[in-house]
Amino acid sequence: MLPLLKSSIVNFRYCDKLGDRDDSLKQFNLDLSDEEQEILSVLMCVEYLTPKLLTDDLLKQKLNSKDYSLYSQANQIKEIRQVRDDFSSKANSMMMLYTYKATRMDGFKSC
């Protein structure tokens, strides 16, 4: 899970809290909001599905189309790709809202 989390942290560029962590203790030093946790979890789903697509795509290239259709479920790659793309779109939307809220709230911080 840690490699998925690290890849997700790299993709969630807008959260400054993510850089302040202790990898040996496997914890963030600052508390993450529910929204930040949700964005990371969606990004982890994207990271989990991406290698599965690459593996299936390579297998398809090595086998001819007749062999491939005999040994694989017809729409498996298509479905995995769709799920991954849906998670990716959701993560991007969530990060946009997160960034927008953070930008809007900067003007309202108390002294």
C-alpha atoms as a PDB file:
ATOM      1  CA  MET A   1       0.000   0.000   0.000  1.00  0.00           C
ATOM      2  CA  LEU A   2       2.876   2.378   0.709  1.00  0.00           C
ATOM      3  CA  PRO A   3       4.004   2.569  -2.957  1.00  0.00           C
ATOM      4  CA  LEU A   4       0.419   3.393  -3.978  1.00  0.00           C
ATOM      5  CA  LEU A   5       0.226   6.085  -1.316  1.00  0.00           C
ATOM      6  CA  LYS A   6       3.568   7.606  -2.336  1.00  0.00           C
ATOM      7  CA  SER A   7       2.498   7.765  -5.981  1.00  0.00           C
ATOM      8  CA  SER A   8      -0.778   9.347  -4.925  1.00  0.00           C
ATOM      9  CA  ILE A   9       1.032  11.952  -2.832  1.00  0.00           C
ATOM     10  CA  VAL A  10       3.075  12.953  -5.882  1.00  0.00           C
ATOM     11  CA  ASN A  11      -0.133  13.415  -7.885  1.00  0.00           C
ATOM     12  CA  PHE A  12      -1.862  15.452  -5.152  1.00  0.00           C
ATOM     13  CA  ARG A  13       0.368  18.489  -5.603  1.00  0.00           C
ATOM     14  CA  TYR A  14      -1.929  20.993  -3.932  1.00  0.00           C
ATOM     15  CA  CYS A  15      -1.793  19.683  -0.359  1.00  0.00           C
ATOM     16  CA  ASP A  16       1.217  20.983   1.568  1.00  0.00           C
ATOM     17  CA  LYS A  17       0.547  18.667   4.529  1.00  0.00           C
ATOM     18  CA  LEU A  18       1.538  15.561   2.571  1.00  0.00           C
ATOM     19  CA  GLY A  19       5.226  16.422   2.489  1.00  0.00           C
ATOM     20  CA  ASP A  20       5.375  16.485   6.282  1.00  0.00           C
ATOM     21  CA  ARG A  21       5.355  12.767   7.031  1.00  0.00           C
ATOM     22  CA  ASP A  22       7.403  10.084   8.734  1.00  0.00           C
ATOM     23  CA  ASP A  23       7.827   7.147   6.353  1.00  0.00           C
ATOM     24  CA  SER A  24       9.439   4.939   9.000  1.00  0.00           C
ATOM     25  CA  LEU A  25       6.389   5.349  11.266  1.00  0.00           C
ATOM     26  CA  LYS A  26       4.080   5.339   8.229  1.00  0.00           C
ATOM     27  CA  GLN A  27       2.213   8.434   9.336  1.00  0.00           C
ATOM     28  CA  PHE A  28       1.626  12.042   8.423  1.00  0.00           C
ATOM     29  CA  ASN A  29       2.864  14.541  10.999  1.00  0.00           C
ATOM     30  CA  LEU A  30      -0.163  16.773  10.426  1.00  0.00           C
ATOM     31  CA  ASP A  31      -3.782  15.676  10.578  1.00  0.00           C
ATOM     32  CA  LEU A  32      -5.401  15.309   7.168  1.00  0.00           C
ATOM     33  CA  SER A  33      -8.974  16.436   6.638  1.00  0.00           C
ATOM     34  CA  ASP A  34     -11.590  13.944   5.501  1.00  0.00           C
ATOM     35  CA  GLU A  35     -11.489  15.572   2.070  1.00  0.00           C
ATOM     36  CA  GLU A  36      -7.712  15.158   1.797  1.00  0.00           C
ATOM     37  CA  GLN A  37      -7.978  11.522   2.865  1.00  0.00           C
ATOM     38  CA  GLU A  38     -10.711  10.885   0.297  1.00  0.00           C
ATOM     39  CA  ILE A  39      -8.686  12.450  -2.521  1.00  0.00           C
ATOM     40  CA  LEU A  40      -5.680  10.297  -1.597  1.00  0.00           C
ATOM     41  CA  SER A  41      -7.815   7.150  -1.531  1.00  0.00           C
ATOM     42  CA  VAL A  42      -9.243   7.862  -4.997  1.00  0.00           C
ATOM     43  CA  LEU A  43      -5.750   8.536  -6.343  1.00  0.00           C
ATOM     44  CA  MET A  44      -4.585   5.243  -4.818  1.00  0.00           C
ATOM     45  CA  CYS A  45      -7.325   3.449  -6.776  1.00  0.00           C
ATOM     46  CA  VAL A  46      -5.989   5.025  -9.982  1.00  0.00           C
ATOM     47  CA  GLU A  47      -2.452   3.933  -9.089  1.00  0.00           C
ATOM     48  CA  TYR A  48      -3.655   0.395  -8.314  1.00  0.00           C
ATOM     49  CA  LEU A  49      -5.475  -0.025 -11.638  1.00  0.00           C
ATOM     50  CA  THR A  50      -2.835   1.470 -13.943  1.00  0.00           C
ATOM     51  CA  PRO A  51      -0.309  -1.435 -13.760  1.00  0.00           C
ATOM     52  CA  LYS A  52      -3.120  -3.924 -14.344  1.00  0.00           C
ATOM     53  CA  LEU A  53      -3.904  -2.184 -17.618  1.00  0.00           C
ATOM     54  CA  LEU A  54      -0.273  -2.126 -18.661  1.00  0.00           C
ATOM     55  CA  THR A  55       0.110  -5.853 -17.949  1.00  0.00           C
ATOM     56  CA  ASP A  56      -3.018  -6.746 -19.923  1.00  0.00           C
ATOM     57  CA  ASP A  57      -1.988  -4.475 -22.794  1.00  0.00           C
ATOM     58  CA  LEU A  58       1.435  -6.171 -22.988  1.00  0.00           C
ATOM     59  CA  LEU A  59      -0.166  -9.611 -22.926  1.00  0.00           C
ATOM     60  CA  LYS A  60      -2.455  -8.599 -25.757  1.00  0.00           C
ATOM     61  CA  GLN A  61       0.540  -7.455 -27.815  1.00  0.00           C
ATOM     62  CA  LYS A  62       2.342 -10.789 -27.338  1.00  0.00           C
ATOM     63  CA  LEU A  63      -0.599 -12.954 -28.330  1.00  0.00           C
ATOM     64  CA  ASN A  64      -2.414 -12.763 -31.593  1.00  0.00           C
ATOM     65  CA  SER A  65      -5.995 -11.554 -31.418  1.00  0.00           C
ATOM     66  CA  LYS A  66      -7.451 -15.082 -31.684  1.00  0.00           C
ATOM     67  CA  ASP A  67      -5.335 -16.392 -28.783  1.00  0.00           C
ATOM     68  CA  TYR A  68      -6.029 -13.311 -26.733  1.00  0.00           C
ATOM     69  CA  SER A  69      -9.784 -13.535 -27.124  1.00  0.00           C
ATOM     70  CA  LEU A  70      -9.695 -17.223 -26.149  1.00  0.00           C
ATOM     71  CA  TYR A  71      -7.759 -16.650 -22.936  1.00  0.00           C
ATOM     72  CA  SER A  72      -9.218 -13.376 -21.696  1.00  0.00           C
ATOM     73  CA  GLN A  73     -12.586 -12.016 -20.847  1.00  0.00           C
ATOM     74  CA  ALA A  74     -13.828  -9.980 -23.758  1.00  0.00           C
ATOM     75  CA  ASN A  75     -14.156  -6.583 -22.122  1.00  0.00           C
ATOM     76  CA  GLN A  76     -11.886  -6.878 -19.097  1.00  0.00           C
ATOM     77  CA  ILE A  77      -9.302  -4.347 -20.257  1.00  0.00           C
ATOM     78  CA  LYS A  78     -11.989  -1.953 -21.427  1.00  0.00           C
ATOM     79  CA  GLU A  79     -13.801  -2.158 -18.090  1.00  0.00           C
ATOM     80  CA  ILE A  80     -10.645  -1.738 -16.007  1.00  0.00           C
ATOM     81  CA  ARG A  81      -9.640   1.245 -18.130  1.00  0.00           C
ATOM     82  CA  GLN A  82     -13.093   2.785 -17.699  1.00  0.00           C
ATOM     83  CA  VAL A  83     -13.007   2.332 -13.921  1.00  0.00           C
ATOM     84  CA  ARG A  84      -9.499   3.792 -13.751  1.00  0.00           C
ATOM     85  CA  ASP A  85     -10.517   6.760 -15.920  1.00  0.00           C
ATOM     86  CA  ASP A  86     -13.601   7.336 -13.757  1.00  0.00           C
ATOM     87  CA  PHE A  87     -11.452   7.368 -10.610  1.00  0.00           C
ATOM     88  CA  SER A  88      -8.972   9.689 -12.300  1.00  0.00           C
ATOM     89  CA  SER A  89     -11.718  12.128 -13.322  1.00  0.00           C
ATOM     90  CA  LYS A  90     -13.182  12.026  -9.829  1.00  0.00           C
ATOM     91  CA  ALA A  91      -9.766  12.710  -8.274  1.00  0.00           C
ATOM     92  CA  ASN A  92      -9.144  15.637 -10.633  1.00  0.00           C
ATOM     93  CA  SER A  93     -12.539  17.149  -9.816  1.00  0.00           C
ATOM     94  CA  MET A  94     -11.960  16.707  -6.099  1.00  0.00           C
ATOM     95  CA  MET A  95      -8.520  18.331  -6.317  1.00  0.00           C
ATOM     96  CA  MET A  96      -9.952  21.281  -8.274  1.00  0.00           C
ATOM     97  CA  LEU A  97     -12.611  21.852  -5.611  1.00  0.00           C
ATOM     98  CA  TYR A  98     -10.013  21.445  -2.861  1.00  0.00           C
ATOM     99  CA  THR A  99      -7.724  24.008  -4.500  1.00  0.00           C
ATOM    100  CA  TYR A 100     -10.601  26.385  -5.212  1.00  0.00           C
ATOM    101  CA  LYS A 101     -11.768  26.250  -1.584  1.00  0.00           C
ATOM    102  CA  ALA A 102      -8.244  26.805  -0.287  1.00  0.00           C
ATOM    103  CA  THR A 103      -7.750  29.788  -2.607  1.00  0.00           C
ATOM    104  CA  ARG A 104     -11.115  31.335  -1.711  1.00  0.00           C
ATOM    105  CA  MET A 105     -10.574  30.868   2.017  1.00  0.00           C
ATOM    106  CA  ASP A 106      -7.158  32.581   1.973  1.00  0.00           C
ATOM    107  CA  GLY A 107      -8.901  35.957   1.862  1.00  0.00           C
ATOM    108  CA  PHE A 108     -11.015  35.111   4.907  1.00  0.00           C
ATOM    109  CA  LYS A 109      -8.329  34.007   7.356  1.00  0.00           C
ATOM    110  CA  SER A 110      -8.498  35.728  10.713  1.00  0.00           C
ATOM    111  CA  CYS A 111      -5.560  37.778  11.972  1.00  0.00           C
END
